Amino acid sequence: MPSAQNNDSTEAGDDRWLGDALPAVSLSKAQARVVDIIVRNPQLASYAEIAQIAERADVNNSTVVRAAQTLGYRGWPDLQRELRARYLVHISTEDTLTEHGEHRSPLHDALTHDIENLRQTLESNSAADTEAAIATLAAARSILVVGVGSFAGPAGVMAHLGSTMGYPVALENRAGVHLATAVNSLGPGDVLVVVNMWRSTKQIIVAADAAHEAGAVVVAITDMRRGRLATSIADHLLIVPSEGISFFQSVTAATSVVYGLLAGMQAAQPERSRAAIRRTQQLWKDLDIYLD
């Protein structure tokens, strides 16, 4: 884990890195000191233990927790996940390498880090959150899944396996005019699934907004609880940490969430899913796809 020092790429006292992570709410004097420490120390706030934040703000740990809750988060871990996602956006890709430092064993460290990402994903999403998203997907007239770059990975998994189960799922991973054409047909009864972590992709956010305005339901798989996608566009929000151990983001947690949604969709339409899977398997044989 990076050391809790300030990074020159995001200057101390410059709160632009926070965006809308810290809403304007009434805070006690002690809670205000916690917020001041967060604003002035981006790297510390993103990686430090709660006791370090409390010590810097001259408060106890419970005050840090209450400050996070007053700001609209479930607690300090929930707020810190949001802070770290913002911090990683506002440092350069090269600086991300410096943040993560040397690896004892790249494979061991990657797996260990993803285990932590999965644990945080489990804490960040309630059963009610996921069940509501599954119900929406299961009842959809059509589903468009959008993801570009690395995030096309989990998007492609969802589109492929959803189609295998007989759901009307399409994938758009090219952006530009292709994204515009795909989203233009969405309206009431349709669902747009957006997989967008790390840096918000402008084209995807604008397209999701257009789909939402046209009456489609938007399911967002993202690493930020606030921001335009999370607070103004998404009807269903699923939070997934995406920090990796190198300059790139990890899609492990996002892919696991996709698997959970797919399993729920199968359970919601069991007979249709079984029939579609049987037809798919027969086509595999007819097309002589596999060696065995």
Foldseek 3Di string as FASTA:
>chain_A
DFDQAADPLQAFQDQPLLPCLQPDDDDDPLLVLLVNCCRRRLSNLQDPDLCVSCVNSVHDSVSQQVSCVRRPANGSVRSSLQSNLSVLLRGDLVVLQVRLDDDPDQVVQQVVVVVVLQVVLPVQDDPVLLLVVLVLQLQAPAEEEEDEDPQLVLSVVLQVLCVLLVGRYDYDHPFDPSLVVVLVPAAARYEYEYEDERDGDVRVLVSLQVNVVRHHAYEYEYQHCDDCCNPPRHPGYRHTRFPGSHSGTHCSNVNVSSVVSSVSSCVVPVVSRVVSNVVVVVVCVVVVPDPD
